[in-house]
Protein backbone atom coordinates (compact mmCIF):
# COMPACT_ATOMS: atom_id res chain seq x y z
CA MET A 1 -2.43 19.29 20.35
CA ASN A 2 -5.62 19.65 22.38
CA ALA A 3 -8.79 17.56 22.16
CA LEU A 4 -10.63 19.98 19.89
CA THR A 5 -7.77 20.02 17.40
CA ALA A 6 -7.63 16.21 17.51
CA VAL A 7 -11.33 15.86 16.73
CA LEU A 8 -11.10 18.40 13.91
CA LEU A 9 -8.13 16.56 12.40
CA PHE A 10 -10.04 13.28 12.80
CA ALA A 11 -12.88 14.83 10.78
CA ALA A 12 -10.40 16.10 8.17
CA TRP A 13 -8.86 12.63 7.93
CA THR A 14 -12.32 11.13 7.44
CA LEU A 15 -12.98 13.56 4.58
CA ALA A 16 -9.60 12.78 3.03
CA LEU A 17 -10.42 9.06 3.06
CA ALA A 18 -13.66 9.78 1.22
CA MET A 19 -11.80 11.74 -1.44
CA ILE A 20 -9.52 8.75 -2.10
CA TYR A 21 -12.47 6.82 -3.49
CA VAL A 22 -14.70 9.64 -4.73
CA VAL A 23 -12.21 11.56 -6.87
CA PRO A 24 -11.23 8.58 -9.11
CA ARG A 25 -14.91 8.02 -9.86
CA LEU A 26 -15.46 11.52 -11.22
CA PRO A 27 -13.63 11.29 -14.58
CA PRO A 28 -15.51 8.19 -15.82
CA VAL A 29 -18.83 9.83 -14.92
CA LEU A 30 -17.93 13.20 -16.42
CA LEU A 31 -16.63 11.55 -19.59
CA GLY A 32 -19.81 9.46 -19.92
CA LYS A 33 -17.96 6.16 -19.50
CA ARG A 34 -19.92 5.17 -16.40
CA PRO A 35 -23.32 6.18 -15.09
CA ALA A 36 -23.28 8.19 -11.86
CA ASN A 37 -25.12 5.38 -10.09
CA ALA A 38 -22.55 2.72 -11.07
CA TRP A 39 -21.40 2.60 -7.45
CA THR A 40 -24.80 2.18 -5.85
CA ARG A 41 -24.79 0.04 -2.74
CA GLY A 42 -25.68 -3.53 -3.45
CA ASN A 43 -23.99 -3.53 -6.85
CA PRO A 44 -20.84 -5.60 -7.31
CA SER A 45 -17.73 -3.48 -6.86
CA ILE A 46 -16.12 -2.14 -10.03
CA ASP A 47 -13.33 -0.32 -8.21
CA ALA A 48 -9.72 -1.39 -7.74
CA PRO A 49 -9.16 -3.14 -4.40
CA VAL A 50 -7.34 -0.15 -2.88
CA ILE A 51 -10.32 2.07 -3.71
CA VAL A 52 -12.69 -0.39 -2.04
CA ARG A 53 -10.40 -0.47 1.01
CA ALA A 54 -10.39 3.34 1.10
CA GLN A 55 -14.18 3.33 1.12
CA HIS A 56 -14.20 0.82 3.96
CA ALA A 57 -11.58 2.83 5.88
CA HIS A 58 -13.77 5.92 5.45
CA LEU A 59 -16.82 4.07 6.77
CA ASN A 60 -14.76 2.79 9.71
CA ALA A 61 -13.71 6.35 10.52
CA LEU A 62 -17.34 7.46 10.39
CA GLU A 63 -18.20 4.86 13.02
CA ASN A 64 -15.92 6.40 15.64
CA LEU A 65 -16.09 10.08 14.72
CA PRO A 66 -19.47 10.75 16.42
CA ILE A 67 -18.32 9.01 19.60
CA PHE A 68 -15.03 10.90 19.68
CA LEU A 69 -16.83 14.17 18.96
CA THR A 70 -19.33 13.49 21.75
CA VAL A 71 -16.55 12.85 24.28
CA VAL A 72 -14.67 16.00 23.25
CA ALA A 73 -17.84 18.11 23.21
CA ALA A 74 -18.83 16.86 26.66
CA ALA A 75 -15.40 17.72 27.99
CA LEU A 76 -15.45 21.20 26.47
CA LEU A 77 -19.05 21.94 27.47
CA THR A 78 -18.25 21.06 31.08
CA ASP A 79 -15.00 23.00 30.98
CA ARG A 80 -13.01 19.79 31.50
CA GLY A 81 -11.04 19.68 28.27
CA ALA A 82 -7.81 19.44 30.23
CA VAL A 83 -8.93 16.01 31.45
CA ILE A 84 -8.84 14.55 27.93
CA ASP A 85 -6.34 16.81 26.16
CA PRO A 86 -3.38 14.50 26.83
CA LEU A 87 -5.14 11.41 25.40
CA ALA A 88 -7.21 12.81 22.53
CA PRO A 89 -4.31 13.04 20.04
CA TYR A 90 -3.67 9.33 20.49
CA VAL A 91 -7.22 8.56 19.34
CA LEU A 92 -6.40 10.45 16.14
CA TYR A 93 -3.02 8.71 15.75
CA ALA A 94 -4.61 5.29 16.24
CA ARG A 95 -7.29 6.15 13.66
CA ILE A 96 -4.70 7.23 11.10
CA GLY A 97 -2.71 4.05 11.78
CA GLN A 98 -5.82 1.92 11.37
CA SER A 99 -6.74 3.65 8.12
CA LEU A 100 -3.27 3.39 6.61
CA ILE A 101 -3.09 -0.31 7.37
CA HIS A 102 -6.58 -0.72 5.94
CA LEU A 103 -5.35 0.85 2.69
CA MET A 104 -2.37 -1.51 2.56
CA GLY A 105 -4.30 -4.75 2.37
CA THR A 106 -6.45 -7.40 3.95
CA ALA A 107 -3.94 -10.09 4.88
CA PHE A 108 -4.18 -11.57 8.36
CA LEU A 109 -1.46 -9.28 9.73
CA HIS A 110 -3.22 -6.23 8.29
CA VAL A 111 -6.50 -7.23 9.91
CA LEU A 112 -4.78 -7.95 13.23
CA LEU A 113 -3.02 -4.57 13.23
CA ARG A 114 -6.22 -2.77 12.20
CA ALA A 115 -8.10 -4.41 15.05
CA THR A 116 -5.34 -3.44 17.47
CA PHE A 117 -5.51 0.21 16.42
CA TYR A 118 -9.31 0.08 16.64
CA PHE A 119 -9.24 -1.26 20.19
CA VAL A 120 -6.69 1.39 21.17
CA GLN A 121 -9.20 4.02 20.05
CA VAL A 122 -12.05 2.34 21.91
CA ALA A 123 -9.99 1.96 25.08
CA LEU A 124 -8.85 5.58 24.97
CA MET A 125 -12.36 6.89 24.44
CA ALA A 126 -13.75 4.62 27.17
CA TYR A 127 -11.09 5.87 29.57
CA MET A 128 -11.81 9.49 28.65
CA ILE A 129 -15.54 8.92 29.32
CA TRP A 130 -14.70 7.33 32.65
CA ALA A 131 -12.38 10.20 33.54
CA LEU A 132 -15.03 12.78 32.68
CA LEU A 133 -17.59 11.01 34.83
CA HIS A 134 -15.33 11.00 37.86
């Protein structure tokens, strides 16, 4: 897998996370059981905990996607994709790991593992930036 494929799969994963919490909201709205604005920010959550965690995992993915995309785009625009190709898939794998653990729960071990996967992503992207600058 090269860096471009990794960033595209990262984007696909981010979309999939959104669908986990968006799709279950559609039937109640379409059936008139809930207003479409029942999930407006600032309102108390009416979703099951796993749905709330999916929304948070989606937002977490959105935080890193622009950074990852910027690193990959910079590498490709400077014809240096080979510099980051070996590491880029591991950013994706760490993101998927972080998201899956996020969906599992919020116990201390979950949070610790999520943070570990997050810092793996940050470290990999920081190293890729450094490598592209040198």
